Amino acid sequence: MSSKPVLRVRKPGALLVAAVIAFVGTIPLAGARWSLAPLLLIPLAVAAWAWRAGTDVYPDRLRVRALIGTTTVPWDRVAELAPDRRGRVSALLTDGTVIRLTGVNRADLPAVLAAAGQEISAPPQTD
């Protein structure tokens, strides 16, 4: 197993910037009353999620990272990768489980498959 991913797909950096702006904007509100101080945790959690969440592609596996937790899936357990109507990509595993690939969208799909050494197959034609 290689320790460095071939491709890293993360959430857009604008999400992290927005979380920082939300944190700064929340400071006056949280400073008004101590009971509102926990509101600061919301933009901090969004910033941590934007920083950490994403999908790492290795030649032999996928690693999907969320705010809390990581799921590692070997490529031989992946039956197919497919985008949904909103352009988000999910992996259908051989046991029927579906895992959403965090940060991966329809435009990233060819790069993910190329990084893994997998080929793109067209859907079957229907008459």
N, C-alpha and C. Protein backbone atom coordinates (compact mmCIF):
# COMPACT_ATOMS: atom_id res chain seq x y z
N MET A 1 0.83 -1.18 0.00
CA MET A 1 0.00 0.00 0.00
C MET A 1 0.88 1.25 0.00
N SER A 2 0.59 2.14 -0.92
CA SER A 2 1.34 3.39 -0.95
C SER A 2 0.79 4.33 0.12
N SER A 3 1.66 5.16 0.67
CA SER A 3 1.21 6.04 1.74
C SER A 3 0.74 7.39 1.24
N LYS A 4 1.05 7.73 -0.01
CA LYS A 4 0.64 9.01 -0.55
C LYS A 4 -0.38 8.78 -1.67
N PRO A 5 -1.52 9.47 -1.61
CA PRO A 5 -2.54 9.25 -2.65
C PRO A 5 -2.09 9.80 -4.00
N VAL A 6 -2.57 9.17 -5.06
CA VAL A 6 -2.30 9.63 -6.41
C VAL A 6 -3.09 10.91 -6.68
N LEU A 7 -4.31 10.98 -6.13
CA LEU A 7 -5.18 12.14 -6.34
C LEU A 7 -5.94 12.43 -5.06
N ARG A 8 -6.01 13.71 -4.71
CA ARG A 8 -6.81 14.15 -3.57
C ARG A 8 -7.90 15.08 -4.09
N VAL A 9 -9.14 14.77 -3.75
CA VAL A 9 -10.26 15.62 -4.14
C VAL A 9 -10.87 16.16 -2.85
N ARG A 10 -10.92 17.48 -2.75
CA ARG A 10 -11.43 18.13 -1.54
C ARG A 10 -12.56 19.09 -1.89
N LYS A 11 -13.22 19.57 -0.86
CA LYS A 11 -14.25 20.60 -1.01
C LYS A 11 -13.58 21.88 -1.50
N PRO A 12 -14.32 22.75 -2.20
CA PRO A 12 -13.74 24.00 -2.67
C PRO A 12 -13.22 24.86 -1.52
N GLY A 13 -12.13 25.57 -1.76
CA GLY A 13 -11.54 26.43 -0.75
C GLY A 13 -12.44 27.56 -0.31
N ALA A 14 -13.39 27.94 -1.16
CA ALA A 14 -14.32 29.00 -0.82
C ALA A 14 -15.16 28.62 0.40
N LEU A 15 -15.40 27.34 0.60
CA LEU A 15 -16.17 26.89 1.75
C LEU A 15 -15.41 27.19 3.05
N LEU A 16 -14.11 26.99 3.04
CA LEU A 16 -13.29 27.29 4.21
C LEU A 16 -13.27 28.80 4.48
N VAL A 17 -13.15 29.59 3.43
CA VAL A 17 -13.17 31.05 3.58
C VAL A 17 -14.52 31.50 4.14
N ALA A 18 -15.60 30.93 3.65
CA ALA A 18 -16.93 31.28 4.15
C ALA A 18 -17.07 30.93 5.63
N ALA A 19 -16.50 29.81 6.05
CA ALA A 19 -16.57 29.42 7.45
C ALA A 19 -15.80 30.40 8.33
N VAL A 20 -14.66 30.86 7.86
CA VAL A 20 -13.88 31.85 8.61
C VAL A 20 -14.65 33.17 8.72
N ILE A 21 -15.26 33.59 7.63
CA ILE A 21 -16.06 34.83 7.64
C ILE A 21 -17.25 34.68 8.59
N ALA A 22 -17.89 33.51 8.57
CA ALA A 22 -19.02 33.28 9.48
C ALA A 22 -18.56 33.29 10.93
N PHE A 23 -17.38 32.75 11.20
CA PHE A 23 -16.84 32.76 12.56
C PHE A 23 -16.62 34.20 13.03
N VAL A 24 -15.98 35.01 12.18
CA VAL A 24 -15.73 36.42 12.54
C VAL A 24 -17.05 37.16 12.73
N GLY A 25 -18.04 36.88 11.90
CA GLY A 25 -19.33 37.52 12.03
C GLY A 25 -20.11 37.08 13.26
N THR A 26 -19.81 35.90 13.77
CA THR A 26 -20.51 35.38 14.94
C THR A 26 -19.92 35.91 16.25
N ILE A 27 -18.70 36.39 16.21
CA ILE A 27 -18.03 36.86 17.43
C ILE A 27 -18.84 37.95 18.16
N PRO A 28 -19.33 38.99 17.48
CA PRO A 28 -20.10 40.01 18.22
C PRO A 28 -21.38 39.44 18.86
N LEU A 29 -22.04 38.54 18.14
CA LEU A 29 -23.26 37.93 18.69
C LEU A 29 -22.92 37.08 19.90
N ALA A 30 -21.89 36.27 19.80
CA ALA A 30 -21.50 35.40 20.91
C ALA A 30 -20.94 36.21 22.08
N GLY A 31 -20.37 37.36 21.79
CA GLY A 31 -19.84 38.20 22.86
C GLY A 31 -20.90 38.98 23.61
N ALA A 32 -22.07 39.09 23.05
CA ALA A 32 -23.15 39.84 23.69
C ALA A 32 -23.67 39.12 24.94
N ARG A 33 -23.77 37.81 24.87
CA ARG A 33 -24.24 37.01 26.01
C ARG A 33 -23.48 35.70 26.02
N TRP A 34 -23.09 35.25 27.19
CA TRP A 34 -22.34 34.01 27.30
C TRP A 34 -23.16 32.80 26.85
N SER A 35 -24.45 32.91 26.96
CA SER A 35 -25.27 31.77 26.54
C SER A 35 -25.23 31.57 25.02
N LEU A 36 -24.80 32.59 24.28
CA LEU A 36 -24.70 32.47 22.82
C LEU A 36 -23.31 32.04 22.36
N ALA A 37 -22.37 31.91 23.27
CA ALA A 37 -21.00 31.53 22.92
C ALA A 37 -20.91 30.20 22.15
N PRO A 38 -21.76 29.20 22.45
CA PRO A 38 -21.67 27.95 21.68
C PRO A 38 -21.94 28.12 20.18
N LEU A 39 -22.54 29.25 19.78
CA LEU A 39 -22.75 29.49 18.35
C LEU A 39 -21.43 29.53 17.58
N LEU A 40 -20.35 29.86 18.26
CA LEU A 40 -19.03 29.89 17.62
C LEU A 40 -18.61 28.50 17.14
N LEU A 41 -19.16 27.47 17.75
CA LEU A 41 -18.79 26.11 17.36
C LEU A 41 -19.28 25.73 15.98
N ILE A 42 -20.38 26.35 15.53
CA ILE A 42 -20.95 25.99 14.23
C ILE A 42 -19.98 26.35 13.09
N PRO A 43 -19.51 27.60 12.97
CA PRO A 43 -18.56 27.87 11.89
C PRO A 43 -17.23 27.13 12.06
N LEU A 44 -16.85 26.86 13.31
CA LEU A 44 -15.63 26.08 13.51
C LEU A 44 -15.79 24.65 12.99
N ALA A 45 -16.96 24.06 13.22
CA ALA A 45 -17.21 22.70 12.72
C ALA A 45 -17.25 22.69 11.19
N VAL A 46 -17.84 23.71 10.59
CA VAL A 46 -17.88 23.79 9.12
C VAL A 46 -16.47 23.95 8.57
N ALA A 47 -15.64 24.76 9.23
CA ALA A 47 -14.25 24.94 8.78
C ALA A 47 -13.47 23.63 8.89
N ALA A 48 -13.65 22.91 10.00
CA ALA A 48 -12.96 21.62 10.16
C ALA A 48 -13.42 20.63 9.10
N TRP A 49 -14.72 20.62 8.81
CA TRP A 49 -15.24 19.72 7.79
C TRP A 49 -14.69 20.07 6.41
N ALA A 50 -14.66 21.37 6.09
CA ALA A 50 -14.14 21.80 4.79
C ALA A 50 -12.66 21.46 4.65
N TRP A 51 -11.93 21.53 5.73
CA TRP A 51 -10.50 21.25 5.71
C TRP A 51 -10.23 19.75 5.57
N ARG A 52 -11.00 18.93 6.26
CA ARG A 52 -10.73 17.50 6.34
C ARG A 52 -11.44 16.65 5.29
N ALA A 53 -12.69 16.96 4.98
CA ALA A 53 -13.52 16.09 4.15
C ALA A 53 -13.01 16.03 2.71
N GLY A 54 -13.06 14.84 2.14
CA GLY A 54 -12.65 14.66 0.76
C GLY A 54 -12.41 13.19 0.45
N THR A 55 -11.95 12.94 -0.75
CA THR A 55 -11.67 11.57 -1.20
C THR A 55 -10.24 11.49 -1.68
N ASP A 56 -9.52 10.49 -1.19
CA ASP A 56 -8.16 10.22 -1.62
C ASP A 56 -8.18 8.98 -2.50
N VAL A 57 -7.54 9.07 -3.66
CA VAL A 57 -7.52 7.96 -4.61
C VAL A 57 -6.12 7.36 -4.63
N TYR A 58 -6.05 6.08 -4.36
CA TYR A 58 -4.81 5.31 -4.42
C TYR A 58 -4.94 4.30 -5.56
N PRO A 59 -3.85 3.73 -6.03
CA PRO A 59 -3.97 2.72 -7.09
C PRO A 59 -4.77 1.49 -6.65
N ASP A 60 -4.75 1.18 -5.34
CA ASP A 60 -5.40 -0.04 -4.87
C ASP A 60 -6.65 0.20 -4.02
N ARG A 61 -6.96 1.47 -3.70
CA ARG A 61 -8.10 1.72 -2.82
C ARG A 61 -8.57 3.17 -2.91
N LEU A 62 -9.75 3.41 -2.36
CA LEU A 62 -10.30 4.75 -2.16
C LEU A 62 -10.37 4.99 -0.66
N ARG A 63 -10.10 6.22 -0.24
CA ARG A 63 -10.28 6.59 1.16
C ARG A 63 -11.20 7.82 1.19
N VAL A 64 -12.36 7.67 1.80
CA VAL A 64 -13.36 8.74 1.88
C VAL A 64 -13.31 9.28 3.31
N ARG A 65 -13.04 10.58 3.42
CA ARG A 65 -12.91 11.22 4.72
C ARG A 65 -14.07 12.17 4.95
N ALA A 66 -14.62 12.13 6.16
CA ALA A 66 -15.68 13.04 6.57
C ALA A 66 -15.18 13.84 7.77
N LEU A 67 -16.05 14.63 8.38
CA LEU A 67 -15.64 15.40 9.56
C LEU A 67 -15.16 14.45 10.65
N ILE A 68 -15.92 13.41 10.88
CA ILE A 68 -15.53 12.40 11.86
C ILE A 68 -15.55 11.05 11.17
N GLY A 69 -14.39 10.43 11.07
CA GLY A 69 -14.33 9.09 10.50
C GLY A 69 -13.79 9.04 9.08
N THR A 70 -13.30 7.87 8.74
CA THR A 70 -12.72 7.59 7.43
C THR A 70 -13.18 6.21 6.99
N THR A 71 -13.50 6.08 5.73
CA THR A 71 -13.86 4.78 5.15
C THR A 71 -12.88 4.46 4.05
N THR A 72 -12.26 3.29 4.12
CA THR A 72 -11.33 2.85 3.10
C THR A 72 -11.94 1.66 2.36
N VAL A 73 -11.95 1.75 1.04
CA VAL A 73 -12.56 0.71 0.21
C VAL A 73 -11.56 0.27 -0.85
N PRO A 74 -11.21 -1.02 -0.90
CA PRO A 74 -10.35 -1.50 -1.98
C PRO A 74 -11.09 -1.42 -3.32
N TRP A 75 -10.34 -1.19 -4.39
CA TRP A 75 -10.96 -1.06 -5.72
C TRP A 75 -11.69 -2.33 -6.14
N ASP A 76 -11.25 -3.49 -5.67
CA ASP A 76 -11.93 -4.72 -6.10
C ASP A 76 -13.33 -4.86 -5.48
N ARG A 77 -13.68 -4.04 -4.49
CA ARG A 77 -15.03 -4.03 -3.92
C ARG A 77 -15.93 -3.01 -4.59
N VAL A 78 -15.38 -2.17 -5.46
CA VAL A 78 -16.18 -1.14 -6.13
C VAL A 78 -16.74 -1.71 -7.43
N ALA A 79 -18.06 -1.77 -7.52
CA ALA A 79 -18.72 -2.28 -8.72
C ALA A 79 -18.81 -1.18 -9.78
N GLU A 80 -19.17 0.05 -9.34
CA GLU A 80 -19.25 1.15 -10.29
C GLU A 80 -19.22 2.49 -9.55
N LEU A 81 -18.83 3.51 -10.27
CA LEU A 81 -18.89 4.89 -9.80
C LEU A 81 -19.89 5.60 -10.70
N ALA A 82 -20.82 6.32 -10.11
CA ALA A 82 -21.85 6.97 -10.92
C ALA A 82 -22.26 8.29 -10.28
N PRO A 83 -22.48 9.32 -11.13
CA PRO A 83 -22.98 10.58 -10.60
C PRO A 83 -24.50 10.53 -10.44
N ASP A 84 -25.00 11.33 -9.49
CA ASP A 84 -26.45 11.45 -9.34
C ASP A 84 -26.94 12.67 -10.10
N ARG A 85 -28.20 13.03 -9.94
CA ARG A 85 -28.77 14.16 -10.67
C ARG A 85 -28.11 15.48 -10.33
N ARG A 86 -27.59 15.59 -9.11
CA ARG A 86 -26.95 16.83 -8.68
C ARG A 86 -25.46 16.87 -9.03
N GLY A 87 -24.93 15.80 -9.64
CA GLY A 87 -23.54 15.77 -10.06
C GLY A 87 -22.60 15.19 -9.03
N ARG A 88 -23.12 14.78 -7.88
CA ARG A 88 -22.28 14.17 -6.85
C ARG A 88 -22.04 12.71 -7.22
N VAL A 89 -20.84 12.21 -6.96
CA VAL A 89 -20.48 10.85 -7.36
C VAL A 89 -20.54 9.92 -6.16
N SER A 90 -21.12 8.74 -6.39
CA SER A 90 -21.20 7.70 -5.37
C SER A 90 -20.57 6.43 -5.92
N ALA A 91 -20.08 5.61 -5.00
CA ALA A 91 -19.52 4.31 -5.36
C ALA A 91 -20.50 3.22 -4.93
N LEU A 92 -20.87 2.38 -5.86
CA LEU A 92 -21.69 1.22 -5.56
C LEU A 92 -20.74 0.06 -5.33
N LEU A 93 -20.81 -0.54 -4.14
CA LEU A 93 -19.91 -1.64 -3.80
C LEU A 93 -20.52 -2.97 -4.21
N THR A 94 -19.70 -3.99 -4.26
CA THR A 94 -20.16 -5.32 -4.69
C THR A 94 -21.19 -5.91 -3.75
N ASP A 95 -21.22 -5.46 -2.49
CA ASP A 95 -22.21 -5.97 -1.54
C ASP A 95 -23.51 -5.16 -1.55
N GLY A 96 -23.63 -4.19 -2.48
CA GLY A 96 -24.84 -3.39 -2.59
C GLY A 96 -24.80 -2.08 -1.82
N THR A 97 -23.79 -1.85 -1.03
CA THR A 97 -23.65 -0.62 -0.25
C THR A 97 -23.28 0.53 -1.18
N VAL A 98 -23.81 1.71 -0.90
CA VAL A 98 -23.49 2.90 -1.67
C VAL A 98 -22.75 3.87 -0.76
N ILE A 99 -21.61 4.35 -1.22
CA ILE A 99 -20.81 5.32 -0.47
C ILE A 99 -20.66 6.56 -1.32
N ARG A 100 -21.05 7.69 -0.76
CA ARG A 100 -20.88 8.96 -1.48
C ARG A 100 -19.43 9.39 -1.35
N LEU A 101 -18.80 9.72 -2.48
CA LEU A 101 -17.41 10.16 -2.49
C LEU A 101 -17.37 11.66 -2.22
N THR A 102 -16.98 12.02 -1.03
CA THR A 102 -16.99 13.41 -0.59
C THR A 102 -16.09 14.26 -1.47
N GLY A 103 -16.63 15.34 -1.98
CA GLY A 103 -15.86 16.29 -2.78
C GLY A 103 -15.76 15.95 -4.25
N VAL A 104 -16.13 14.74 -4.63
CA VAL A 104 -16.02 14.32 -6.03
C VAL A 104 -17.32 14.65 -6.76
N ASN A 105 -17.20 15.34 -7.88
CA ASN A 105 -18.38 15.64 -8.70
C ASN A 105 -18.19 15.03 -10.08
N ARG A 106 -19.17 15.21 -10.93
CA ARG A 106 -19.17 14.61 -12.27
C ARG A 106 -17.91 14.98 -13.06
N ALA A 107 -17.45 16.22 -12.95
CA ALA A 107 -16.26 16.66 -13.70
C ALA A 107 -14.98 15.99 -13.20
N ASP A 108 -14.95 15.56 -11.93
CA ASP A 108 -13.77 14.91 -11.36
C ASP A 108 -13.69 13.43 -11.68
N LEU A 109 -14.78 12.85 -12.13
CA LEU A 109 -14.85 11.40 -12.32
C LEU A 109 -13.78 10.84 -13.26
N PRO A 110 -13.52 11.44 -14.43
CA PRO A 110 -12.44 10.91 -15.28
C PRO A 110 -11.07 10.96 -14.61
N ALA A 111 -10.79 12.00 -13.84
CA ALA A 111 -9.50 12.11 -13.15
C ALA A 111 -9.38 11.05 -12.06
N VAL A 112 -10.47 10.77 -11.36
CA VAL A 112 -10.46 9.74 -10.32
C VAL A 112 -10.17 8.38 -10.94
N LEU A 113 -10.86 8.07 -12.03
CA LEU A 113 -10.65 6.78 -12.68
C LEU A 113 -9.26 6.66 -13.28
N ALA A 114 -8.75 7.74 -13.85
CA ALA A 114 -7.40 7.72 -14.42
C ALA A 114 -6.35 7.53 -13.33
N ALA A 115 -6.53 8.20 -12.19
CA ALA A 115 -5.58 8.08 -11.08
C ALA A 115 -5.54 6.66 -10.52
N ALA A 116 -6.67 5.98 -10.60
CA ALA A 116 -6.74 4.62 -10.09
C ALA A 116 -6.35 3.58 -11.14
N GLY A 117 -6.13 4.03 -12.37
CA GLY A 117 -5.81 3.08 -13.44
C GLY A 117 -7.02 2.32 -13.92
N GLN A 118 -8.21 2.85 -13.68
CA GLN A 118 -9.45 2.21 -14.11
C GLN A 118 -9.88 2.83 -15.44
N GLU A 119 -10.69 2.11 -16.18
CA GLU A 119 -11.18 2.62 -17.46
C GLU A 119 -12.62 3.08 -17.34
N ILE A 120 -12.96 4.06 -18.17
CA ILE A 120 -14.33 4.56 -18.23
C ILE A 120 -15.11 3.66 -19.18
N SER A 121 -16.25 3.18 -18.72
CA SER A 121 -17.10 2.38 -19.59
C SER A 121 -18.40 3.13 -19.82
N ALA A 122 -18.89 3.02 -21.02
CA ALA A 122 -20.15 3.69 -21.38
C ALA A 122 -21.32 2.84 -20.90
N PRO A 123 -22.44 3.47 -20.58
CA PRO A 123 -23.61 2.67 -20.19
C PRO A 123 -24.10 1.85 -21.38
N PRO A 124 -24.74 0.73 -21.11
CA PRO A 124 -25.23 -0.10 -22.21
C PRO A 124 -26.28 0.64 -23.03
N GLN A 125 -26.26 0.42 -24.32
CA GLN A 125 -27.22 1.05 -25.22
C GLN A 125 -28.52 0.26 -25.20
N THR A 126 -29.63 0.99 -25.18
CA THR A 126 -30.93 0.34 -25.23
C THR A 126 -31.60 0.70 -26.55
N ASP A 127 -32.30 -0.24 -27.12
CA ASP A 127 -32.97 -0.01 -28.41
C ASP A 127 -34.37 0.46 -28.24
